Amino acid sequence: MAKKALLIGINKYPGTNKLSYCVNDCKALAKILERNDDKDKSRNFEVMQIPDCPNSRIAFNSIKELFEDKNVDTALFYFSGHGYIDANNNGGIVFPDNIDPDSIYYGIRMDDIMQVVAKSPIKNKIIILDCCKSGSIAVGQDNVAYLPEGCTILTSSRADQNSVESSEKSHGIFTDLLLQALSGEAADDLGNITVGGIYAYIDRSLGLWGQRPIFKTNISYFESIRNVTPRLELARMKEGLELFPEADYKYPLTPENNCSTYVNREEARTKNPKCINFQMLQDLQKIGFVEPSMEELPEGKRFMYYAAILSKSCRLTKIGQYYWKLYKNGRI
């Protein structure tokens, strides 16, 4: 699947309008988007950076080139810099040639960007903005969001808020969280990272008193924009889920399941089917898919070890049941 990303970060604004970390934002994001963090470090986005883009003409032409490419399945535009909103509540992104001597901002209007996106033949269009007033994008009359089909937007702040840089992180606060999310913090149990997962991660990380991220989308399903190695390999996960004939099945355990009950533990671990199955169950427990049947165990002994030693059982958790259903329905 062909993916392209256009990343623009601007520090060098005239006068007192300079910013410190937008180019850092751009470079760090490029590095993380170019390759997945799966076993093979597979290629991901074809990235073009324009650090310290000098004027809005270059930027707007590049935005059009990105979203007009018929050979691309996913297009991502990211901007880190100044944003503005005018007296008529029209928002935009600012370039060095857009600031007059009195520091009055103007630039590429959000509406103009959305017009380009609306005409795009690309099925998966992503816009990520780390700038002040960025939540003003894709807002139509009566403050109702307008999004073309296949478009997802993630912004660092609401239309009435500023976005903040962090000298401690050397990034914008929003972009620092974006980078963490893409590094794997927002991955699901299959190692997929979607824009929805990224938003959820950033939303949980930012408090209610400061800048708030905005998420807007008009899609029928989420595409993974980056893949990382899952906490448990898919083949191993499926093998473990196969031990449960029904989602609510209680898997019976005995002391024979626990390798520590054998004189030769290593041989039991590699050759004894009961031990092998118990290890798979423990792997599923580590990712929150399996738990001992708590009501069968006394206080202080509600662990898989005691469930085996006391001949009790284990079961799928709610999230484990969810993935069991996905597996049984051929969804994973």
Protein backbone atom coordinates (compact mmCIF):
# COMPACT_ATOMS: atom_id res chain seq x y z
CA MET A 1 0.00 0.00 0.00
CA ALA A 2 1.55 3.32 -1.12
CA LYS A 3 1.85 5.99 1.57
CA LYS A 4 3.18 9.54 1.28
CA ALA A 5 3.71 12.14 3.98
CA LEU A 6 4.43 15.87 3.70
CA LEU A 7 5.91 17.34 6.88
CA ILE A 8 6.45 21.06 7.40
CA GLY A 9 8.00 22.55 10.54
CA ILE A 10 8.92 26.22 10.86
CA ASN A 11 11.11 27.94 13.46
CA LYS A 12 12.38 30.92 11.45
CA TYR A 13 9.57 33.44 11.61
CA PRO A 14 10.50 37.14 11.42
CA GLY A 15 11.02 39.35 14.44
CA THR A 16 9.83 38.09 17.80
CA ASN A 17 7.69 35.39 16.24
CA LYS A 18 10.40 32.72 16.16
CA LEU A 19 9.63 29.25 17.45
CA SER A 20 12.13 26.77 18.89
CA TYR A 21 11.21 23.16 18.21
CA CYS A 22 9.00 22.90 15.12
CA VAL A 23 11.86 21.71 12.89
CA ASN A 24 12.72 19.14 15.58
CA ASP A 25 9.10 18.01 15.47
CA CYS A 26 9.29 17.60 11.71
CA LYS A 27 12.57 15.65 11.70
CA ALA A 28 11.59 13.30 14.52
CA LEU A 29 8.24 12.54 12.91
CA ALA A 30 9.88 11.85 9.56
CA LYS A 31 12.26 9.35 11.14
CA ILE A 32 9.48 7.45 12.85
CA LEU A 33 7.09 7.42 9.88
CA GLU A 34 9.60 6.19 7.31
CA ARG A 35 9.74 2.67 8.72
CA ASN A 36 7.57 0.39 10.79
CA ASP A 37 8.94 -1.07 13.99
CA ASP A 38 7.95 -4.62 13.11
CA LYS A 39 10.33 -7.57 12.93
CA ASP A 40 11.53 -6.65 9.43
CA LYS A 41 11.64 -2.85 9.97
CA SER A 42 9.55 -2.62 6.80
CA ARG A 43 9.20 0.58 4.81
CA ASN A 44 6.20 2.71 5.66
CA PHE A 45 5.70 6.30 4.44
CA GLU A 46 7.62 7.99 1.64
CA VAL A 47 8.35 11.24 3.47
CA MET A 48 9.10 14.72 2.17
CA GLN A 49 10.19 17.32 4.71
CA ILE A 50 10.20 21.08 4.20
CA PRO A 51 11.91 22.44 7.33
CA ASP A 52 11.60 26.20 7.67
CA CYS A 53 9.47 26.42 4.54
CA PRO A 54 10.03 30.05 3.44
CA ASN A 55 6.63 30.90 1.99
CA SER A 56 3.03 29.81 1.66
CA ARG A 57 3.25 29.35 -2.11
CA ILE A 58 5.78 26.50 -1.81
CA ALA A 59 3.74 24.95 0.99
CA PHE A 60 0.39 25.14 -0.77
CA ASN A 61 1.78 23.72 -4.01
CA SER A 62 3.29 20.85 -2.03
CA ILE A 63 -0.02 20.21 -0.27
CA LYS A 64 -1.80 20.05 -3.62
CA GLU A 65 0.86 17.72 -5.05
CA LEU A 66 0.45 15.41 -2.05
CA PHE A 67 -3.32 15.10 -2.20
CA GLU A 68 -3.57 14.99 -6.00
CA ASP A 69 -1.42 11.88 -6.37
CA LYS A 70 -3.68 9.14 -7.80
CA ASN A 71 -1.08 6.46 -7.10
CA VAL A 72 -1.20 6.86 -3.33
CA ASP A 73 -3.48 4.99 -0.92
CA THR A 74 -2.70 7.09 2.17
CA ALA A 75 -1.60 10.74 2.26
CA LEU A 76 -0.56 12.48 5.48
CA PHE A 77 0.03 16.21 5.90
CA TYR A 78 1.66 17.45 9.10
CA PHE A 79 2.35 21.06 10.08
CA SER A 80 4.16 22.47 13.11
CA GLY A 81 4.35 26.25 13.38
CA HIS A 82 2.14 29.26 13.93
CA GLY A 83 -1.59 29.17 13.39
CA TYR A 84 -4.15 31.96 13.44
CA ILE A 85 -7.84 32.70 13.43
CA ASP A 86 -9.20 35.98 12.04
CA ALA A 87 -12.09 38.21 13.07
CA ASN A 88 -14.45 36.13 10.94
CA ASN A 89 -13.39 32.89 12.67
CA ASN A 90 -11.44 31.75 9.61
CA GLY A 91 -8.40 29.77 10.68
CA GLY A 92 -5.12 29.18 8.88
CA ILE A 93 -1.47 28.18 9.10
CA VAL A 94 1.28 30.80 8.96
CA PHE A 95 4.55 31.00 6.98
CA PRO A 96 7.43 33.46 7.26
CA ASP A 97 6.10 35.57 4.38
CA ASN A 98 2.69 35.84 6.07
CA ILE A 99 3.65 38.03 9.03
CA ASP A 100 3.54 41.80 8.54
CA PRO A 101 5.69 44.30 10.52
CA ASP A 102 3.00 44.54 13.19
CA SER A 103 3.01 40.77 13.67
CA ILE A 104 -0.44 40.37 12.18
CA TYR A 105 -0.81 36.78 11.05
CA TYR A 106 -2.38 35.50 7.87
CA GLY A 107 -1.49 32.56 5.62
CA ILE A 108 -2.97 29.47 4.02
CA ARG A 109 -6.57 29.25 5.11
CA MET A 110 -7.82 26.01 6.61
CA ASP A 111 -10.72 26.18 4.14
CA ASP A 112 -8.30 26.23 1.21
CA ILE A 113 -6.56 23.13 2.52
CA MET A 114 -9.91 21.38 2.92
CA GLN A 115 -10.93 22.27 -0.64
CA VAL A 116 -7.81 20.48 -1.88
CA VAL A 117 -8.55 17.50 0.33
CA ALA A 118 -12.19 17.38 -0.80
CA LYS A 119 -11.08 16.93 -4.43
CA SER A 120 -8.44 14.33 -3.62
CA PRO A 121 -8.79 10.86 -5.20
CA ILE A 122 -6.85 9.31 -2.30
CA LYS A 123 -8.99 7.05 -0.12
CA ASN A 124 -7.22 7.73 3.20
CA LYS A 125 -6.37 11.40 3.87
CA ILE A 126 -4.82 12.45 7.19
CA ILE A 127 -4.13 15.98 8.45
CA ILE A 128 -2.20 16.53 11.69
CA LEU A 129 -1.67 20.11 12.89
CA ASP A 130 0.42 21.27 15.84
CA CYS A 131 -0.28 25.00 15.89
CA CYS A 132 -2.41 27.51 17.73
CA LYS A 133 -6.13 27.60 16.81
CA SER A 134 -5.70 24.37 14.83
CA GLY A 135 -9.12 23.07 15.85
CA SER A 136 -10.63 25.64 13.47
CA ILE A 137 -9.97 23.37 10.50
CA ALA A 138 -12.97 21.78 8.75
CA VAL A 139 -15.50 23.90 10.64
CA GLY A 140 -18.37 25.06 8.47
CA GLN A 141 -21.43 27.17 9.12
CA ASP A 142 -23.04 26.99 12.56
CA ASN A 143 -19.78 25.52 13.89
CA VAL A 144 -20.57 22.15 12.29
CA ALA A 145 -17.63 20.09 11.09
CA TYR A 146 -17.43 19.31 7.38
CA LEU A 147 -15.21 16.44 6.31
CA PRO A 148 -14.97 14.77 2.91
CA GLU A 149 -15.16 10.99 2.86
CA GLY A 150 -11.93 9.25 3.83
CA CYS A 151 -10.57 12.25 5.75
CA THR A 152 -9.23 12.23 9.32
CA ILE A 153 -7.97 15.27 11.20
CA LEU A 154 -6.01 15.45 14.45
CA THR A 155 -5.13 18.83 15.92
CA SER A 156 -3.16 19.97 18.93
CA SER A 157 -5.73 22.42 20.26
CA ARG A 158 -9.24 23.76 19.97
CA ALA A 159 -10.07 26.71 17.72
CA ASP A 160 -9.83 29.08 20.68
CA GLN A 161 -6.61 27.72 22.18
CA ASN A 162 -2.88 28.13 21.81
CA SER A 163 -0.50 25.20 21.41
CA VAL A 164 2.59 25.03 23.60
CA GLU A 165 6.22 24.02 23.10
CA SER A 166 8.22 22.22 25.80
CA SER A 167 11.87 23.13 26.36
CA GLU A 168 12.20 19.98 28.47
CA LYS A 169 11.10 17.77 25.57
CA SER A 170 12.50 19.94 22.73
CA HIS A 171 9.20 19.38 20.94
CA GLY A 172 5.70 20.75 20.95
CA ILE A 173 3.77 19.16 23.81
CA PHE A 174 1.29 17.66 21.34
CA THR A 175 3.94 16.36 18.94
CA ASP A 176 5.95 14.81 21.77
CA LEU A 177 2.87 12.74 22.65
CA LEU A 178 2.30 12.00 18.96
CA LEU A 179 5.83 10.58 18.72
CA GLN A 180 5.31 8.45 21.83
CA ALA A 181 2.04 7.12 20.40
CA LEU A 182 3.67 6.24 17.07
CA SER A 183 6.58 4.56 18.87
CA GLY A 184 4.15 1.94 20.12
CA GLU A 185 2.35 3.45 23.09
CA ALA A 186 -0.88 3.65 21.04
CA ALA A 187 -0.57 0.21 19.42
CA ASP A 188 -3.33 -2.36 19.78
CA ASP A 189 -2.63 -5.98 20.71
CA LEU A 190 -1.84 -6.80 17.08
CA GLY A 191 0.77 -4.03 16.83
CA ASN A 192 -1.40 -1.71 14.70
CA ILE A 193 -1.35 2.05 15.30
CA THR A 194 -4.30 4.03 13.95
CA VAL A 195 -5.08 7.74 14.14
CA GLY A 196 -7.97 6.86 16.44
CA GLY A 197 -5.58 5.07 18.79
CA ILE A 198 -3.18 8.03 18.66
CA TYR A 199 -5.96 10.45 19.59
CA ALA A 200 -7.06 8.25 22.49
CA TYR A 201 -3.47 8.14 23.78
CA ILE A 202 -2.97 11.91 23.52
CA ASP A 203 -6.42 12.62 24.96
CA ARG A 204 -5.62 10.57 28.07
CA SER A 205 -2.22 12.22 28.44
CA LEU A 206 -3.32 15.88 28.35
CA GLY A 207 -5.16 17.41 31.29
CA LEU A 208 -8.45 19.26 31.07
CA TRP A 209 -6.98 22.66 32.00
CA GLY A 210 -4.54 23.08 29.12
CA GLN A 211 -4.68 22.61 25.38
CA ARG A 212 -7.07 19.91 24.24
CA PRO A 213 -6.60 17.80 21.11
CA ILE A 214 -9.38 17.67 18.52
CA PHE A 215 -10.25 14.60 16.47
CA LYS A 216 -12.49 14.64 13.39
CA THR A 217 -13.05 11.81 10.96
CA ASN A 218 -15.29 10.61 8.15
CA ILE A 219 -14.13 7.07 7.47
CA SER A 220 -15.73 3.63 7.48
CA TYR A 221 -12.75 1.90 9.10
CA PHE A 222 -9.34 2.75 10.54
CA GLU A 223 -6.20 1.97 8.56
CA SER A 224 -3.01 1.29 10.47
CA ILE A 225 -0.55 4.10 9.76
CA ARG A 226 2.35 2.34 11.50
CA ASN A 227 2.98 -1.19 12.75
CA VAL A 228 5.10 -2.27 15.70
CA THR A 229 6.02 -5.71 16.99
CA PRO A 230 3.06 -6.86 19.10
CA ARG A 231 3.56 -7.92 22.69
CA LEU A 232 2.64 -11.45 21.64
CA GLU A 233 3.14 -12.83 18.15
CA LEU A 234 -0.12 -13.37 16.30
CA ALA A 235 0.56 -17.07 15.68
CA ARG A 236 1.19 -17.60 19.41
CA MET A 237 -1.96 -15.64 20.27
CA LYS A 238 -4.09 -17.76 17.96
CA GLU A 239 -2.58 -20.96 19.32
CA GLY A 240 -3.48 -19.91 22.85
CA LEU A 241 -7.02 -18.85 21.92
CA GLU A 242 -7.55 -22.28 20.36
CA LEU A 243 -7.46 -23.74 23.88
CA PHE A 244 -10.88 -22.19 24.50
CA PRO A 245 -13.75 -23.89 22.60
CA GLU A 246 -16.14 -21.15 23.76
CA ALA A 247 -15.57 -17.56 24.77
CA ASP A 248 -16.75 -18.23 28.34
CA TYR A 249 -15.05 -21.62 28.67
CA LYS A 250 -13.18 -22.32 31.91
CA TYR A 251 -9.96 -24.10 31.06
CA PRO A 252 -9.28 -26.78 33.72
CA LEU A 253 -5.84 -26.79 35.30
CA THR A 254 -3.99 -29.40 37.35
CA PRO A 255 -0.57 -29.51 39.02
CA GLU A 256 0.66 -31.29 35.88
CA ASN A 257 0.30 -28.02 33.98
CA ASN A 258 2.97 -26.35 36.08
CA CYS A 259 6.52 -27.20 35.02
CA SER A 260 7.80 -26.66 38.56
CA THR A 261 6.15 -29.92 39.64
CA TYR A 262 8.54 -31.95 37.46
CA VAL A 263 12.09 -33.02 38.34
CA ASN A 264 13.31 -32.09 34.85
CA ARG A 265 11.57 -28.76 34.34
CA GLU A 266 13.26 -27.94 31.04
CA GLU A 267 12.21 -31.21 29.45
CA ALA A 268 8.65 -30.75 30.74
CA ARG A 269 8.62 -27.20 29.40
CA THR A 270 9.54 -28.32 25.88
CA LYS A 271 7.92 -31.77 25.61
CA ASN A 272 4.97 -32.03 28.00
CA PRO A 273 1.74 -30.85 26.27
CA LYS A 274 0.20 -29.80 29.59
CA CYS A 275 3.20 -27.58 30.37
CA ILE A 276 3.30 -26.19 26.83
CA ASN A 277 -0.38 -25.24 27.05
CA PHE A 278 0.16 -23.63 30.45
CA GLN A 279 2.97 -21.50 29.02
CA MET A 280 0.64 -20.32 26.25
CA LEU A 281 -1.99 -19.44 28.84
CA GLN A 282 0.62 -17.49 30.80
CA ASP A 283 1.60 -15.62 27.63
CA LEU A 284 -2.04 -14.67 27.13
CA GLN A 285 -2.22 -13.59 30.77
CA LYS A 286 0.72 -11.23 30.28
CA ILE A 287 -1.24 -9.26 27.67
CA GLY A 288 -4.44 -9.31 29.71
CA PHE A 289 -6.33 -11.97 27.75
CA VAL A 290 -6.46 -14.68 30.45
CA GLU A 291 -6.97 -14.69 34.23
CA PRO A 292 -7.40 -17.39 36.87
CA SER A 293 -11.02 -18.01 37.85
CA MET A 294 -10.84 -15.72 40.88
CA GLU A 295 -13.94 -17.03 42.66
CA GLU A 296 -12.37 -20.50 42.85
CA LEU A 297 -9.27 -19.31 44.71
CA PRO A 298 -8.78 -18.07 48.28
CA GLU A 299 -7.61 -14.54 49.02
CA GLY A 300 -3.89 -14.14 48.49
CA LYS A 301 -3.69 -17.05 46.05
CA ARG A 302 -5.48 -15.64 43.02
CA PHE A 303 -2.66 -16.39 40.60
CA MET A 304 -2.21 -18.81 37.70
CA TYR A 305 0.36 -20.79 39.72
CA TYR A 306 -2.14 -21.55 42.48
CA ALA A 307 -4.94 -22.20 39.97
CA ALA A 308 -2.80 -25.05 38.61
CA ILE A 309 -1.50 -26.33 41.95
CA LEU A 310 -5.03 -26.37 43.44
CA SER A 311 -6.59 -27.91 40.27
CA LYS A 312 -8.81 -24.91 39.56
CA SER A 313 -9.34 -23.15 36.20
CA CYS A 314 -8.59 -20.06 34.15
CA ARG A 315 -10.73 -18.08 31.70
CA LEU A 316 -10.63 -15.39 29.06
CA THR A 317 -10.98 -11.81 30.26
CA LYS A 318 -13.40 -9.48 28.48
CA ILE A 319 -10.66 -8.28 26.15
CA GLY A 320 -9.57 -11.88 25.66
CA GLN A 321 -13.14 -12.81 24.69
CA TYR A 322 -13.20 -9.93 22.24
CA TYR A 323 -10.06 -11.18 20.46
CA TRP A 324 -11.34 -14.78 20.66
CA LYS A 325 -14.43 -13.68 18.71
CA LEU A 326 -12.28 -11.81 16.20
CA TYR A 327 -10.18 -14.94 15.69
CA LYS A 328 -13.16 -17.29 15.39
CA ASN A 329 -14.81 -14.92 12.88
CA GLY A 330 -11.68 -14.76 10.75
CA ARG A 331 -11.06 -11.08 11.56
CA ILE A 332 -7.47 -11.69 12.65
